[in-house]
């Protein structure tokens, strides 16, 4: 096949360009992951059907608390213990949310699809809405 006088063969320069793009993409993912790694969450937001139903502060040294989240399709027992959260009990049909374990890092989510419930762990935000400032 000839396109504009060129054959359809892959050349060394093409392979080098593809390799550079793949390396740049991998480096970007690693840098973003490293920047967020270990950032403990400070707040749990529980939503049912996209509507917020509860906010709970996270922090070390807080006593364990259990909340029953009622949905139109059933319930979930949510445990907040210090700086982490998990689903302890649920009457949904698949119980995948029980196997998701503890969530404690900003950006972690626990999702119960049958009950349309989402538990999000978020980090602290400055009053102006800026997460961090890089100099």
C-alpha atoms as a PDB file:
ATOM      1  CA  UNK A   1       0.000   0.000   0.000  1.00  0.00           C
ATOM      2  CA  UNK A   2       1.325   3.424  -0.893  1.00  0.00           C
ATOM      3  CA  UNK A   3       0.170   6.589   0.819  1.00  0.00           C
ATOM      4  CA  UNK A   4       1.610   9.819  -0.546  1.00  0.00           C
ATOM      5  CA  UNK A   5       4.561   7.977  -2.041  1.00  0.00           C
ATOM      6  CA  UNK A   6       5.320   6.211   1.262  1.00  0.00           C
ATOM      7  CA  UNK A   7       4.906   2.525   1.934  1.00  0.00           C
ATOM      8  CA  UNK A   8       2.844   1.358   4.922  1.00  0.00           C
ATOM      9  CA  UNK A   9       5.869  -0.030   6.777  1.00  0.00           C
ATOM     10  CA  UNK A  10       6.593   0.829  10.388  1.00  0.00           C
ATOM     11  CA  UNK A  11       9.912   2.578  10.762  1.00  0.00           C
ATOM     12  CA  UNK A  12      12.317   2.854  13.666  1.00  0.00           C
ATOM     13  CA  UNK A  13      11.306   6.495  14.250  1.00  0.00           C
ATOM     14  CA  UNK A  14       7.648   5.431  14.565  1.00  0.00           C
ATOM     15  CA  UNK A  15       8.530   2.856  17.207  1.00  0.00           C
ATOM     16  CA  UNK A  16      10.640   5.367  19.147  1.00  0.00           C
ATOM     17  CA  UNK A  17       7.773   7.881  19.104  1.00  0.00           C
ATOM     18  CA  UNK A  18       5.264   5.300  20.350  1.00  0.00           C
ATOM     19  CA  UNK A  19       7.687   4.200  23.096  1.00  0.00           C
ATOM     20  CA  UNK A  20       8.172   7.816  24.230  1.00  0.00           C
ATOM     21  CA  UNK A  21       4.414   8.399  24.406  1.00  0.00           C
ATOM     22  CA  UNK A  22       3.907   5.208  26.451  1.00  0.00           C
ATOM     23  CA  UNK A  23       6.732   6.132  28.848  1.00  0.00           C
ATOM     24  CA  UNK A  24       5.373   9.680  29.269  1.00  0.00           C
ATOM     25  CA  UNK A  25       1.883   8.364  29.993  1.00  0.00           C
ATOM     26  CA  UNK A  26       3.182   5.843  32.541  1.00  0.00           C
ATOM     27  CA  UNK A  27       5.307   8.505  34.242  1.00  0.00           C
ATOM     28  CA  UNK A  28       2.304  10.831  34.465  1.00  0.00           C
ATOM     29  CA  UNK A  29       0.168   8.148  36.101  1.00  0.00           C
ATOM     30  CA  UNK A  30       2.941   7.301  38.575  1.00  0.00           C
ATOM     31  CA  UNK A  31       3.492  10.957  39.513  1.00  0.00           C
ATOM     32  CA  UNK A  32      -0.198  11.609  40.129  1.00  0.00           C
ATOM     33  CA  UNK A  33      -0.515   8.394  42.155  1.00  0.00           C
ATOM     34  CA  UNK A  34       2.563   9.241  44.230  1.00  0.00           C
ATOM     35  CA  UNK A  35       1.255  12.740  44.930  1.00  0.00           C
ATOM     36  CA  UNK A  36      -2.002  11.331  46.322  1.00  0.00           C
ATOM     37  CA  UNK A  37      -0.538   8.261  48.015  1.00  0.00           C
ATOM     38  CA  UNK A  38      -1.024   8.147  51.728  1.00  0.00           C
ATOM     39  CA  UNK A  39      -3.208  11.256  51.887  1.00  0.00           C
ATOM     40  CA  UNK A  40      -5.524  10.271  54.710  1.00  0.00           C
ATOM     41  CA  UNK A  41      -9.125  11.275  54.350  1.00  0.00           C
ATOM     42  CA  UNK A  42     -10.667  13.733  56.778  1.00  0.00           C
ATOM     43  CA  UNK A  43     -14.322  13.282  55.886  1.00  0.00           C
ATOM     44  CA  UNK A  44     -16.735  10.545  54.820  1.00  0.00           C
ATOM     45  CA  UNK A  45     -19.658  11.478  52.595  1.00  0.00           C
ATOM     46  CA  UNK A  46     -22.462   8.928  52.256  1.00  0.00           C
ATOM     47  CA  UNK A  47     -24.832   9.314  49.320  1.00  0.00           C
ATOM     48  CA  UNK A  48     -27.963   7.384  48.345  1.00  0.00           C
ATOM     49  CA  UNK A  49     -29.380   7.877  44.846  1.00  0.00           C
ATOM     50  CA  UNK A  50     -26.885  10.717  44.326  1.00  0.00           C
ATOM     51  CA  UNK A  51     -28.160  12.667  47.355  1.00  0.00           C
ATOM     52  CA  UNK A  52     -25.991  13.211  50.398  1.00  0.00           C
ATOM     53  CA  UNK A  53     -27.499  11.589  53.496  1.00  0.00           C
ATOM     54  CA  UNK A  54     -24.636  11.809  55.994  1.00  0.00           C
ATOM     55  CA  UNK A  55     -21.234  13.430  56.608  1.00  0.00           C
ATOM     56  CA  UNK A  56     -18.883  12.025  59.222  1.00  0.00           C
ATOM     57  CA  UNK A  57     -15.495  13.416  60.221  1.00  0.00           C
ATOM     58  CA  UNK A  58     -12.548  11.016  60.187  1.00  0.00           C
ATOM     59  CA  UNK A  59      -9.646  11.214  62.554  1.00  0.00           C
ATOM     60  CA  UNK A  60      -7.377   9.133  64.732  1.00  0.00           C
ATOM     61  CA  UNK A  61      -8.517   8.552  68.285  1.00  0.00           C
ATOM     62  CA  UNK A  62     -12.239   8.823  67.548  1.00  0.00           C
ATOM     63  CA  UNK A  63     -14.462   6.134  69.013  1.00  0.00           C
ATOM     64  CA  UNK A  64     -16.020   3.648  66.625  1.00  0.00           C
ATOM     65  CA  UNK A  65     -19.490   4.650  65.424  1.00  0.00           C
ATOM     66  CA  UNK A  66     -22.040   2.609  63.503  1.00  0.00           C
ATOM     67  CA  UNK A  67     -24.751   4.092  61.278  1.00  0.00           C
ATOM     68  CA  UNK A  68     -27.707   2.344  59.676  1.00  0.00           C
ATOM     69  CA  UNK A  69     -28.221   3.808  56.213  1.00  0.00           C
ATOM     70  CA  UNK A  70     -31.748   3.078  55.015  1.00  0.00           C
ATOM     71  CA  UNK A  71     -32.373   3.091  51.289  1.00  0.00           C
ATOM     72  CA  UNK A  72     -35.530   2.408  49.341  1.00  0.00           C
ATOM     73  CA  UNK A  73     -34.186  -1.081  48.617  1.00  0.00           C
ATOM     74  CA  UNK A  74     -32.741  -2.096  52.004  1.00  0.00           C
ATOM     75  CA  UNK A  75     -30.096  -1.039  54.487  1.00  0.00           C
ATOM     76  CA  UNK A  76     -26.330  -0.873  55.019  1.00  0.00           C
ATOM     77  CA  UNK A  77     -24.572  -0.788  58.404  1.00  0.00           C
ATOM     78  CA  UNK A  78     -21.612   1.579  58.052  1.00  0.00           C
ATOM     79  CA  UNK A  79     -18.816   1.617  60.637  1.00  0.00           C
ATOM     80  CA  UNK A  80     -16.524   4.632  61.101  1.00  0.00           C
ATOM     81  CA  UNK A  81     -13.569   3.763  63.307  1.00  0.00           C
ATOM     82  CA  UNK A  82     -10.918   6.428  63.785  1.00  0.00           C
ATOM     83  CA  UNK A  83      -9.666   7.369  60.347  1.00  0.00           C
ATOM     84  CA  UNK A  84     -11.389   4.688  58.304  1.00  0.00           C
ATOM     85  CA  UNK A  85     -14.824   3.471  57.185  1.00  0.00           C
ATOM     86  CA  UNK A  86     -16.356   0.195  55.990  1.00  0.00           C
ATOM     87  CA  UNK A  87     -19.694  -1.538  55.412  1.00  0.00           C
ATOM     88  CA  UNK A  88     -20.234  -4.049  58.221  1.00  0.00           C
ATOM     89  CA  UNK A  89     -23.595  -5.463  57.196  1.00  0.00           C
ATOM     90  CA  UNK A  90     -25.986  -5.150  54.251  1.00  0.00           C
ATOM     91  CA  UNK A  91     -29.107  -6.871  53.022  1.00  0.00           C
ATOM     92  CA  UNK A  92     -28.324  -6.387  49.326  1.00  0.00           C
ATOM     93  CA  UNK A  93     -28.358  -9.423  47.077  1.00  0.00           C
ATOM     94  CA  UNK A  94     -24.660  -9.480  46.087  1.00  0.00           C
ATOM     95  CA  UNK A  95     -22.926  -8.069  49.210  1.00  0.00           C
ATOM     96  CA  UNK A  96     -19.961  -6.826  47.187  1.00  0.00           C
ATOM     97  CA  UNK A  97     -19.821  -3.748  49.430  1.00  0.00           C
ATOM     98  CA  UNK A  98     -18.935  -5.989  52.394  1.00  0.00           C
ATOM     99  CA  UNK A  99     -15.869  -7.291  50.595  1.00  0.00           C
ATOM    100  CA  UNK A 100     -14.508  -3.834  49.771  1.00  0.00           C
ATOM    101  CA  UNK A 101     -12.967  -3.593  53.251  1.00  0.00           C
ATOM    102  CA  UNK A 102     -11.759  -0.443  54.970  1.00  0.00           C
ATOM    103  CA  UNK A 103     -11.497   2.850  53.094  1.00  0.00           C
ATOM    104  CA  UNK A 104      -9.232   5.492  54.605  1.00  0.00           C
ATOM    105  CA  UNK A 105      -7.325   7.296  51.878  1.00  0.00           C
ATOM    106  CA  UNK A 106      -8.696  10.361  50.142  1.00  0.00           C
ATOM    107  CA  UNK A 107     -10.336   9.197  46.921  1.00  0.00           C
ATOM    108  CA  UNK A 108     -11.345   5.760  48.235  1.00  0.00           C
ATOM    109  CA  UNK A 109     -14.947   4.712  47.556  1.00  0.00           C
ATOM    110  CA  UNK A 110     -17.222   1.944  48.760  1.00  0.00           C
ATOM    111  CA  UNK A 111     -20.169   1.321  46.463  1.00  0.00           C
ATOM    112  CA  UNK A 112     -23.335  -0.734  46.930  1.00  0.00           C
ATOM    113  CA  UNK A 113     -25.001  -0.831  43.529  1.00  0.00           C
ATOM    114  CA  UNK A 114     -28.220  -2.637  44.546  1.00  0.00           C
ATOM    115  CA  UNK A 115     -28.891   0.037  47.194  1.00  0.00           C
ATOM    116  CA  UNK A 116     -27.498   2.888  45.074  1.00  0.00           C
ATOM    117  CA  UNK A 117     -25.249   3.922  47.965  1.00  0.00           C
ATOM    118  CA  UNK A 118     -21.799   5.481  47.624  1.00  0.00           C
ATOM    119  CA  UNK A 119     -19.390   6.124  50.489  1.00  0.00           C
ATOM    120  CA  UNK A 120     -16.643   8.589  49.551  1.00  0.00           C
ATOM    121  CA  UNK A 121     -13.541   9.427  51.572  1.00  0.00           C
ATOM    122  CA  UNK A 122     -12.374  12.959  50.890  1.00  0.00           C
ATOM    123  CA  UNK A 123      -9.422  15.007  52.104  1.00  0.00           C
ATOM    124  CA  UNK A 124      -9.292  18.411  53.672  1.00  0.00           C
ATOM    125  CA  UNK A 125      -9.954  21.392  51.496  1.00  0.00           C
ATOM    126  CA  UNK A 126      -8.785  24.873  52.179  1.00  0.00           C
ATOM    127  CA  UNK A 127     -11.553  27.481  52.696  1.00  0.00           C
ATOM    128  CA  UNK A 128     -10.934  28.841  49.192  1.00  0.00           C
ATOM    129  CA  UNK A 129     -11.518  25.403  47.643  1.00  0.00           C
ATOM    130  CA  UNK A 130      -7.863  24.805  46.731  1.00  0.00           C
ATOM    131  CA  UNK A 131      -6.530  21.358  47.704  1.00  0.00           C
ATOM    132  CA  UNK A 132      -2.839  22.186  47.611  1.00  0.00           C
ATOM    133  CA  UNK A 133      -0.510  24.880  46.374  1.00  0.00           C
ATOM    134  CA  UNK A 134       2.704  23.919  44.608  1.00  0.00           C
ATOM    135  CA  UNK A 135       5.561  26.404  44.513  1.00  0.00           C
END
